[in-house]
Amino acid sequence: MAGGGGGAWKVAYADFVTAMMAFFLVMWIVSQDKKVKNAVSHYFVDPMGNQPIGRPSKNSSRGSMIETSNGGVPNSTSLAAGRGRHSNSDQQRASQATAMVENWLRTDSDQLDQWIEKAEKTREKVVKKSTIVTSQDEIDEETARRLAADMKEEMEAKIPAGCDGIYKDMLIESLQHIKWQEVAEDVMTY
């Protein structure tokens, strides 16, 4: 029997080992805390790391999880007289502005620590003020909404007093393109 073949068991064994590996991987992920689960889910959404950590951009409504520049772009703005589309749509500007703020927070540990602490205090306030028992998702959503409003307010308050005219208008316009809710949700994952 040693030289007669019969290697079909190897295929079945390999399938079994693969299934067991997948099972244990799922069991490991289920047992982890929210931060690890978010990191693993972000890896599967964008394995190359092109999108910042946080909720993925709203491209899922178009069937895509990462921003691409190929093909038609539904719901994008177009120019009059058939001259084509803007190459830098509002969504792209918002994604870039949001990514800049998220990158700034990741590199400035003092600011990140300050906003993490503020997120925890905001969560405590939301939990205390809720009169009925709400789900964790609702608490997280309300915390992110309040934290986003605080972030936007603080950034607008930091516009220099001597900044007038076009310079102030440009700063305010830039701040309007930031998706503060996504930045707040990103901070809450730390």
Foldseek 3Di string as FASTA:
>chain_A
DVPPDDCPVVVVVVVVVVVVVVVVVVVVLVPDDPLVVQVVVVCVLPVVCPADRFQFPPCVVVVHRHDDPDDDDPPFDADPPPPGGDSCTLSNLQRVLQVVVLVVLVVPVVNLVVLLVVLVVLLVVLVVPDPDDDDPVVSLQVSLVVSLVVVLVVQLVPPDPPDDDPRNVVSVVSSVSYPSSRSSRRSPSD
